[in-house]
């Protein structure tokens, strides 16, 4: 399905933003228990 990105070149920036935001969302589940 990632090959479909080539068809939506005008959305490349938004896909990259989605990637960054989705990555950021994992900080909570990954470290909350250890951190507290």
ModelCIF file with pLDDT and N, C-alpha, C, O atoms, coordinates in Angstrom:
data_MODEL
#
_entry.id   MODEL 
#
_entity.id                         1 
_entity.type                       polymer 
_entity.pdbx_number_of_molecules   1 
#
_entity_poly.entity_id                      1 
_entity_poly.type                           'polypeptide(L)' 
_entity_poly.nstd_linkage                   no 
_entity_poly.nstd_monomer                   no 
_entity_poly.pdbx_seq_one_letter_code       
;(UNK)(UNK)(UNK)(UNK)(UNK)(UNK)(UNK)(UNK)(UNK)(UNK)(UNK)(UNK)(UNK)(UNK)(UNK)(UNK)
(UNK)(UNK)(UNK)(UNK)(UNK)(UNK)(UNK)(UNK)(UNK)(UNK)(UNK)(UNK)(UNK)(UNK)(UNK)(UNK)
(UNK)(UNK)(UNK)(UNK)
;
_entity_poly.pdbx_seq_one_letter_code_can   XXXXXXXXXXXXXXXXXXXXXXXXXXXXXXXXXXXX 
_entity_poly.pdbx_strand_id                 A 
#
loop_
_entity_poly_seq.entity_id 
_entity_poly_seq.num 
_entity_poly_seq.mon_id 
_entity_poly_seq.hetero 
1 1  UNK n 
1 2  UNK n 
1 3  UNK n 
1 4  UNK n 
1 5  UNK n 
1 6  UNK n 
1 7  UNK n 
1 8  UNK n 
1 9  UNK n 
1 10 UNK n 
1 11 UNK n 
1 12 UNK n 
1 13 UNK n 
1 14 UNK n 
1 15 UNK n 
1 16 UNK n 
1 17 UNK n 
1 18 UNK n 
1 19 UNK n 
1 20 UNK n 
1 21 UNK n 
1 22 UNK n 
1 23 UNK n 
1 24 UNK n 
1 25 UNK n 
1 26 UNK n 
1 27 UNK n 
1 28 UNK n 
1 29 UNK n 
1 30 UNK n 
1 31 UNK n 
1 32 UNK n 
1 33 UNK n 
1 34 UNK n 
1 35 UNK n 
1 36 UNK n 
#
_struct_asym.id          A 
_struct_asym.entity_id   1 
#
loop_
_ma_qa_metric.id 
_ma_qa_metric.mode 
_ma_qa_metric.name 
_ma_qa_metric.software_group_id 
_ma_qa_metric.type 
1 global pLDDT . pLDDT 
2 local  pLDDT . pLDDT 
#
_ma_qa_metric_global.metric_id      1 
_ma_qa_metric_global.metric_value   85.64 
_ma_qa_metric_global.model_id       1 
_ma_qa_metric_global.ordinal_id     1 
#
loop_
_ma_qa_metric_local.label_asym_id 
_ma_qa_metric_local.label_comp_id 
_ma_qa_metric_local.label_seq_id 
_ma_qa_metric_local.metric_id 
_ma_qa_metric_local.metric_value 
_ma_qa_metric_local.model_id 
_ma_qa_metric_local.ordinal_id 
A UNK 1  2 62.00 1 1  
A UNK 2  2 66.00 1 2  
A UNK 3  2 68.00 1 3  
A UNK 4  2 62.00 1 4  
A UNK 5  2 69.00 1 5  
A UNK 6  2 70.00 1 6  
A UNK 7  2 70.00 1 7  
A UNK 8  2 72.00 1 8  
A UNK 9  2 74.00 1 9  
A UNK 10 2 75.00 1 10 
A UNK 11 2 82.00 1 11 
A UNK 12 2 84.00 1 12 
A UNK 13 2 88.00 1 13 
A UNK 14 2 89.00 1 14 
A UNK 15 2 88.00 1 15 
A UNK 16 2 93.00 1 16 
A UNK 17 2 93.00 1 17 
A UNK 18 2 91.00 1 18 
A UNK 19 2 93.00 1 19 
A UNK 20 2 96.00 1 20 
A UNK 21 2 95.00 1 21 
A UNK 22 2 92.00 1 22 
A UNK 23 2 95.00 1 23 
A UNK 24 2 96.00 1 24 
A UNK 25 2 92.00 1 25 
A UNK 26 2 93.00 1 26 
A UNK 27 2 94.00 1 27 
A UNK 28 2 91.00 1 28 
A UNK 29 2 87.00 1 29 
A UNK 30 2 92.00 1 30 
A UNK 31 2 95.00 1 31 
A UNK 32 2 95.00 1 32 
A UNK 33 2 94.00 1 33 
A UNK 34 2 95.00 1 34 
A UNK 35 2 96.00 1 35 
A UNK 36 2 96.00 1 36 
#
loop_
_atom_site.group_PDB 
_atom_site.id 
_atom_site.type_symbol 
_atom_site.label_atom_id 
_atom_site.label_alt_id 
_atom_site.label_comp_id 
_atom_site.label_asym_id 
_atom_site.label_entity_id 
_atom_site.label_seq_id 
_atom_site.pdbx_PDB_ins_code 
_atom_site.Cartn_x 
_atom_site.Cartn_y 
_atom_site.Cartn_z 
_atom_site.occupancy 
_atom_site.B_iso_or_equiv 
_atom_site.pdbx_formal_charge 
_atom_site.auth_seq_id 
_atom_site.auth_comp_id 
_atom_site.auth_asym_id 
_atom_site.auth_atom_id 
_atom_site.pdbx_PDB_model_num 
ATOM 1   N N  . UNK A 1 1  ? 0.816  -1.217 0.000  1.00 62.00 ? 1  UNK A N  1 
ATOM 2   C CA . UNK A 1 1  ? 0.000  0.000  0.000  1.00 62.00 ? 1  UNK A CA 1 
ATOM 3   C C  . UNK A 1 1  ? 0.848  1.265  0.000  1.00 62.00 ? 1  UNK A C  1 
ATOM 4   O O  . UNK A 1 1  ? 0.390  2.316  -0.448 1.00 62.00 ? 1  UNK A O  1 
ATOM 5   N N  . UNK A 1 2  ? 2.088  1.174  0.502  1.00 66.00 ? 2  UNK A N  1 
ATOM 6   C CA . UNK A 1 2  ? 2.943  2.361  0.535  1.00 66.00 ? 2  UNK A CA 1 
ATOM 7   C C  . UNK A 1 2  ? 3.323  2.828  -0.868 1.00 66.00 ? 2  UNK A C  1 
ATOM 8   O O  . UNK A 1 2  ? 3.680  3.989  -1.065 1.00 66.00 ? 2  UNK A O  1 
ATOM 9   N N  . UNK A 1 3  ? 3.247  1.920  -1.841 1.00 68.00 ? 3  UNK A N  1 
ATOM 10  C CA . UNK A 1 3  ? 3.560  2.304  -3.216 1.00 68.00 ? 3  UNK A CA 1 
ATOM 11  C C  . UNK A 1 3  ? 2.565  3.324  -3.750 1.00 68.00 ? 3  UNK A C  1 
ATOM 12  O O  . UNK A 1 3  ? 2.848  4.046  -4.706 1.00 68.00 ? 3  UNK A O  1 
ATOM 13  N N  . UNK A 1 4  ? 1.386  3.374  -3.114 1.00 62.00 ? 4  UNK A N  1 
ATOM 14  C CA . UNK A 1 4  ? 0.363  4.318  -3.562 1.00 62.00 ? 4  UNK A CA 1 
ATOM 15  C C  . UNK A 1 4  ? 0.762  5.764  -3.306 1.00 62.00 ? 4  UNK A C  1 
ATOM 16  O O  . UNK A 1 4  ? 0.177  6.682  -3.882 1.00 62.00 ? 4  UNK A O  1 
ATOM 17  N N  . UNK A 1 5  ? 1.760  5.975  -2.442 1.00 69.00 ? 5  UNK A N  1 
ATOM 18  C CA . UNK A 1 5  ? 2.206  7.338  -2.146 1.00 69.00 ? 5  UNK A CA 1 
ATOM 19  C C  . UNK A 1 5  ? 2.656  8.047  -3.422 1.00 69.00 ? 5  UNK A C  1 
ATOM 20  O O  . UNK A 1 5  ? 2.504  9.261  -3.556 1.00 69.00 ? 5  UNK A O  1 
ATOM 21  N N  . UNK A 1 6  ? 3.214  7.272  -4.358 1.00 70.00 ? 6  UNK A N  1 
ATOM 22  C CA . UNK A 1 6  ? 3.681  7.856  -5.616 1.00 70.00 ? 6  UNK A CA 1 
ATOM 23  C C  . UNK A 1 6  ? 2.550  8.528  -6.381 1.00 70.00 ? 6  UNK A C  1 
ATOM 24  O O  . UNK A 1 6  ? 2.781  9.481  -7.126 1.00 70.00 ? 6  UNK A O  1 
ATOM 25  N N  . UNK A 1 7  ? 1.325  8.035  -6.199 1.00 70.00 ? 7  UNK A N  1 
ATOM 26  C CA . UNK A 1 7  ? 0.183  8.604  -6.911 1.00 70.00 ? 7  UNK A CA 1 
ATOM 27  C C  . UNK A 1 7  ? -0.272 9.928  -6.304 1.00 70.00 ? 7  UNK A C  1 
ATOM 28  O O  . UNK A 1 7  ? -0.975 10.706 -6.950 1.00 70.00 ? 7  UNK A O  1 
ATOM 29  N N  . UNK A 1 8  ? 0.131  10.179 -5.064 1.00 72.00 ? 8  UNK A N  1 
ATOM 30  C CA . UNK A 1 8  ? -0.348 11.369 -4.355 1.00 72.00 ? 8  UNK A CA 1 
ATOM 31  C C  . UNK A 1 8  ? 0.825  12.291 -4.011 1.00 72.00 ? 8  UNK A C  1 
ATOM 32  O O  . UNK A 1 8  ? 1.017  12.666 -2.854 1.00 72.00 ? 8  UNK A O  1 
ATOM 33  N N  . UNK A 1 9  ? 1.604  12.647 -5.032 1.00 74.00 ? 9  UNK A N  1 
ATOM 34  C CA . UNK A 1 9  ? 2.807  13.453 -4.795 1.00 74.00 ? 9  UNK A CA 1 
ATOM 35  C C  . UNK A 1 9  ? 2.480  14.799 -4.154 1.00 74.00 ? 9  UNK A C  1 
ATOM 36  O O  . UNK A 1 9  ? 3.289  15.354 -3.411 1.00 74.00 ? 9  UNK A O  1 
ATOM 37  N N  . UNK A 1 10 ? 1.276  15.325 -4.451 1.00 75.00 ? 10 UNK A N  1 
ATOM 38  C CA . UNK A 1 10 ? 0.904  16.620 -3.889 1.00 75.00 ? 10 UNK A CA 1 
ATOM 39  C C  . UNK A 1 10 ? 0.672  16.558 -2.384 1.00 75.00 ? 10 UNK A C  1 
ATOM 40  O O  . UNK A 1 10 ? 0.604  17.591 -1.718 1.00 75.00 ? 10 UNK A O  1 
ATOM 41  N N  . UNK A 1 11 ? 0.550  15.326 -1.845 1.00 82.00 ? 11 UNK A N  1 
ATOM 42  C CA . UNK A 1 11 ? 0.306  15.152 -0.407 1.00 82.00 ? 11 UNK A CA 1 
ATOM 43  C C  . UNK A 1 11 ? 1.551  14.663 0.341  1.00 82.00 ? 11 UNK A C  1 
ATOM 44  O O  . UNK A 1 11 ? 1.459  14.254 1.498  1.00 82.00 ? 11 UNK A O  1 
ATOM 45  N N  . UNK A 1 12 ? 2.711  14.704 -0.318 1.00 84.00 ? 12 UNK A N  1 
ATOM 46  C CA . UNK A 1 12 ? 3.934  14.188 0.299  1.00 84.00 ? 12 UNK A CA 1 
ATOM 47  C C  . UNK A 1 12 ? 4.217  14.839 1.649  1.00 84.00 ? 12 UNK A C  1 
ATOM 48  O O  . UNK A 1 12 ? 4.584  14.162 2.610  1.00 84.00 ? 12 UNK A O  1 
ATOM 49  N N  . UNK A 1 13 ? 4.045  16.149 1.713  1.00 88.00 ? 13 UNK A N  1 
ATOM 50  C CA . UNK A 1 13 ? 4.296  16.870 2.967  1.00 88.00 ? 13 UNK A CA 1 
ATOM 51  C C  . UNK A 1 13 ? 3.346  16.398 4.052  1.00 88.00 ? 13 UNK A C  1 
ATOM 52  O O  . UNK A 1 13 ? 3.759  16.174 5.190  1.00 88.00 ? 13 UNK A O  1 
ATOM 53  N N  . UNK A 1 14 ? 2.067  16.245 3.705  1.00 89.00 ? 14 UNK A N  1 
ATOM 54  C CA . UNK A 1 14 ? 1.077  15.817 4.696  1.00 89.00 ? 14 UNK A CA 1 
ATOM 55  C C  . UNK A 1 14 ? 1.333  14.387 5.161  1.00 89.00 ? 14 UNK A C  1 
ATOM 56  O O  . UNK A 1 14 ? 1.123  14.069 6.332  1.00 89.00 ? 14 UNK A O  1 
ATOM 57  N N  . UNK A 1 15 ? 1.786  13.522 4.252  1.00 88.00 ? 15 UNK A N  1 
ATOM 58  C CA . UNK A 1 15 ? 2.132  12.159 4.651  1.00 88.00 ? 15 UNK A CA 1 
ATOM 59  C C  . UNK A 1 15 ? 3.315  12.168 5.622  1.00 88.00 ? 15 UNK A C  1 
ATOM 60  O O  . UNK A 1 15 ? 3.345  11.400 6.583  1.00 88.00 ? 15 UNK A O  1 
ATOM 61  N N  . UNK A 1 16 ? 4.281  13.039 5.364  1.00 93.00 ? 16 UNK A N  1 
ATOM 62  C CA . UNK A 1 16 ? 5.438  13.147 6.256  1.00 93.00 ? 16 UNK A CA 1 
ATOM 63  C C  . UNK A 1 16 ? 5.008  13.675 7.626  1.00 93.00 ? 16 UNK A C  1 
ATOM 64  O O  . UNK A 1 16 ? 5.496  13.214 8.659  1.00 93.00 ? 16 UNK A O  1 
ATOM 65  N N  . UNK A 1 17 ? 4.095  14.639 7.624  1.00 93.00 ? 17 UNK A N  1 
ATOM 66  C CA . UNK A 1 17 ? 3.556  15.169 8.882  1.00 93.00 ? 17 UNK A CA 1 
ATOM 67  C C  . UNK A 1 17 ? 2.835  14.060 9.649  1.00 93.00 ? 17 UNK A C  1 
ATOM 68  O O  . UNK A 1 17 ? 3.001  13.934 10.863 1.00 93.00 ? 17 UNK A O  1 
ATOM 69  N N  . UNK A 1 18 ? 2.036  13.259 8.945  1.00 91.00 ? 18 UNK A N  1 
ATOM 70  C CA . UNK A 1 18 ? 1.335  12.139 9.587  1.00 91.00 ? 18 UNK A CA 1 
ATOM 71  C C  . UNK A 1 18 ? 2.347  11.185 10.211 1.00 91.00 ? 18 UNK A C  1 
ATOM 72  O O  . UNK A 1 18 ? 2.138  10.696 11.322 1.00 91.00 ? 18 UNK A O  1 
ATOM 73  N N  . UNK A 1 19 ? 3.439  10.918 9.503  1.00 93.00 ? 19 UNK A N  1 
ATOM 74  C CA . UNK A 1 19 ? 4.485  10.027 10.007 1.00 93.00 ? 19 UNK A CA 1 
ATOM 75  C C  . UNK A 1 19 ? 5.096  10.586 11.294 1.00 93.00 ? 19 UNK A C  1 
ATOM 76  O O  . UNK A 1 19 ? 5.299  9.849  12.260 1.00 93.00 ? 19 UNK A O  1 
ATOM 77  N N  . UNK A 1 20 ? 5.390  11.892 11.304 1.00 96.00 ? 20 UNK A N  1 
ATOM 78  C CA . UNK A 1 20 ? 5.975  12.527 12.491 1.00 96.00 ? 20 UNK A CA 1 
ATOM 79  C C  . UNK A 1 20 ? 5.010  12.489 13.674 1.00 96.00 ? 20 UNK A C  1 
ATOM 80  O O  . UNK A 1 20 ? 5.408  12.167 14.793 1.00 96.00 ? 20 UNK A O  1 
ATOM 81  N N  . UNK A 1 21 ? 3.739  12.818 13.424 1.00 95.00 ? 21 UNK A N  1 
ATOM 82  C CA . UNK A 1 21 ? 2.754  12.856 14.504 1.00 95.00 ? 21 UNK A CA 1 
ATOM 83  C C  . UNK A 1 21 ? 2.484  11.460 15.058 1.00 95.00 ? 21 UNK A C  1 
ATOM 84  O O  . UNK A 1 21 ? 2.335  11.279 16.267 1.00 95.00 ? 21 UNK A O  1 
ATOM 85  N N  . UNK A 1 22 ? 2.423  10.483 14.165 1.00 92.00 ? 22 UNK A N  1 
ATOM 86  C CA . UNK A 1 22 ? 2.181  9.109  14.610 1.00 92.00 ? 22 UNK A CA 1 
ATOM 87  C C  . UNK A 1 22 ? 3.357  8.597  15.430 1.00 92.00 ? 22 UNK A C  1 
ATOM 88  O O  . UNK A 1 22 ? 3.167  7.898  16.426 1.00 92.00 ? 22 UNK A O  1 
ATOM 89  N N  . UNK A 1 23 ? 4.576  8.944  15.011 1.00 95.00 ? 23 UNK A N  1 
ATOM 90  C CA . UNK A 1 23 ? 5.765  8.561  15.777 1.00 95.00 ? 23 UNK A CA 1 
ATOM 91  C C  . UNK A 1 23 ? 5.737  9.197  17.162 1.00 95.00 ? 23 UNK A C  1 
ATOM 92  O O  . UNK A 1 23 ? 6.011  8.538  18.164 1.00 95.00 ? 23 UNK A O  1 
ATOM 93  N N  . UNK A 1 24 ? 5.402  10.487 17.207 1.00 96.00 ? 24 UNK A N  1 
ATOM 94  C CA . UNK A 1 24 ? 5.359  11.209 18.484 1.00 96.00 ? 24 UNK A CA 1 
ATOM 95  C C  . UNK A 1 24 ? 4.358  10.595 19.451 1.00 96.00 ? 24 UNK A C  1 
ATOM 96  O O  . UNK A 1 24 ? 4.576  10.611 20.662 1.00 96.00 ? 24 UNK A O  1 
ATOM 97  N N  . UNK A 1 25 ? 3.264  10.055 18.928 1.00 92.00 ? 25 UNK A N  1 
ATOM 98  C CA . UNK A 1 25 ? 2.202  9.515  19.790 1.00 92.00 ? 25 UNK A CA 1 
ATOM 99  C C  . UNK A 1 25 ? 2.663  8.301  20.586 1.00 92.00 ? 25 UNK A C  1 
ATOM 100 O O  . UNK A 1 25 ? 2.037  7.948  21.585 1.00 92.00 ? 25 UNK A O  1 
ATOM 101 N N  . UNK A 1 26 ? 3.756  7.651  20.156 1.00 93.00 ? 26 UNK A N  1 
ATOM 102 C CA . UNK A 1 26 ? 4.216  6.434  20.837 1.00 93.00 ? 26 UNK A CA 1 
ATOM 103 C C  . UNK A 1 26 ? 5.076  6.717  22.067 1.00 93.00 ? 26 UNK A C  1 
ATOM 104 O O  . UNK A 1 26 ? 5.421  5.792  22.802 1.00 93.00 ? 26 UNK A O  1 
ATOM 105 N N  . UNK A 1 27 ? 5.425  7.981  22.299 1.00 94.00 ? 27 UNK A N  1 
ATOM 106 C CA . UNK A 1 27 ? 6.256  8.285  23.468 1.00 94.00 ? 27 UNK A CA 1 
ATOM 107 C C  . UNK A 1 27 ? 5.535  7.957  24.764 1.00 94.00 ? 27 UNK A C  1 
ATOM 108 O O  . UNK A 1 27 ? 6.153  7.514  25.732 1.00 94.00 ? 27 UNK A O  1 
ATOM 109 N N  . UNK A 1 28 ? 4.232  8.175  24.780 1.00 91.00 ? 28 UNK A N  1 
ATOM 110 C CA . UNK A 1 28 ? 3.458  7.960  25.998 1.00 91.00 ? 28 UNK A CA 1 
ATOM 111 C C  . UNK A 1 28 ? 3.389  6.481  26.366 1.00 91.00 ? 28 UNK A C  1 
ATOM 112 O O  . UNK A 1 28 ? 3.743  6.100  27.482 1.00 91.00 ? 28 UNK A O  1 
ATOM 113 N N  . UNK A 1 29 ? 2.940  5.656  25.440 1.00 87.00 ? 29 UNK A N  1 
ATOM 114 C CA . UNK A 1 29 ? 2.779  4.232  25.730 1.00 87.00 ? 29 UNK A CA 1 
ATOM 115 C C  . UNK A 1 29 ? 4.117  3.550  25.990 1.00 87.00 ? 29 UNK A C  1 
ATOM 116 O O  . UNK A 1 29 ? 4.183  2.569  26.730 1.00 87.00 ? 29 UNK A O  1 
ATOM 117 N N  . UNK A 1 30 ? 5.194  4.074  25.374 1.00 92.00 ? 30 UNK A N  1 
ATOM 118 C CA . UNK A 1 30 ? 6.504  3.438  25.487 1.00 92.00 ? 30 UNK A CA 1 
ATOM 119 C C  . UNK A 1 30 ? 7.179  3.694  26.827 1.00 92.00 ? 30 UNK A C  1 
ATOM 120 O O  . UNK A 1 30 ? 7.837  2.805  27.369 1.00 92.00 ? 30 UNK A O  1 
ATOM 121 N N  . UNK A 1 31 ? 7.024  4.892  27.364 1.00 95.00 ? 31 UNK A N  1 
ATOM 122 C CA . UNK A 1 31 ? 7.851  5.267  28.514 1.00 95.00 ? 31 UNK A CA 1 
ATOM 123 C C  . UNK A 1 31 ? 7.075  5.704  29.758 1.00 95.00 ? 31 UNK A C  1 
ATOM 124 O O  . UNK A 1 31 ? 7.686  5.940  30.800 1.00 95.00 ? 31 UNK A O  1 
ATOM 125 N N  . UNK A 1 32 ? 5.741  5.819  29.675 1.00 95.00 ? 32 UNK A N  1 
ATOM 126 C CA . UNK A 1 32 ? 4.983  6.333  30.816 1.00 95.00 ? 32 UNK A CA 1 
ATOM 127 C C  . UNK A 1 32 ? 5.244  5.534  32.093 1.00 95.00 ? 32 UNK A C  1 
ATOM 128 O O  . UNK A 1 32 ? 5.524  6.111  33.144 1.00 95.00 ? 32 UNK A O  1 
ATOM 129 N N  . UNK A 1 33 ? 5.152  4.211  32.001 1.00 94.00 ? 33 UNK A N  1 
ATOM 130 C CA . UNK A 1 33 ? 5.346  3.373  33.193 1.00 94.00 ? 33 UNK A CA 1 
ATOM 131 C C  . UNK A 1 33 ? 6.755  3.548  33.757 1.00 94.00 ? 33 UNK A C  1 
ATOM 132 O O  . UNK A 1 33 ? 6.933  3.735  34.960 1.00 94.00 ? 33 UNK A O  1 
ATOM 133 N N  . UNK A 1 34 ? 7.757  3.484  32.871 1.00 95.00 ? 34 UNK A N  1 
ATOM 134 C CA . UNK A 1 34 ? 9.149  3.634  33.316 1.00 95.00 ? 34 UNK A CA 1 
ATOM 135 C C  . UNK A 1 34 ? 9.391  5.026  33.899 1.00 95.00 ? 34 UNK A C  1 
ATOM 136 O O  . UNK A 1 34 ? 10.040 5.170  34.935 1.00 95.00 ? 34 UNK A O  1 
ATOM 137 N N  . UNK A 1 35 ? 8.863  6.047  33.223 1.00 96.00 ? 35 UNK A N  1 
ATOM 138 C CA . UNK A 1 35 ? 9.076  7.429  33.644 1.00 96.00 ? 35 UNK A CA 1 
ATOM 139 C C  . UNK A 1 35 ? 8.491  7.694  35.031 1.00 96.00 ? 35 UNK A C  1 
ATOM 140 O O  . UNK A 1 35 ? 9.173  8.234  35.901 1.00 96.00 ? 35 UNK A O  1 
ATOM 141 N N  . UNK A 1 36 ? 7.226  7.314  35.237 1.00 96.00 ? 36 UNK A N  1 
ATOM 142 C CA . UNK A 1 36 ? 6.582  7.609  36.521 1.00 96.00 ? 36 UNK A CA 1 
ATOM 143 C C  . UNK A 1 36 ? 7.173  6.786  37.664 1.00 96.00 ? 36 UNK A C  1 
ATOM 144 O O  . UNK A 1 36 ? 6.739  6.918  38.808 1.00 96.00 ? 36 UNK A O  1 
#
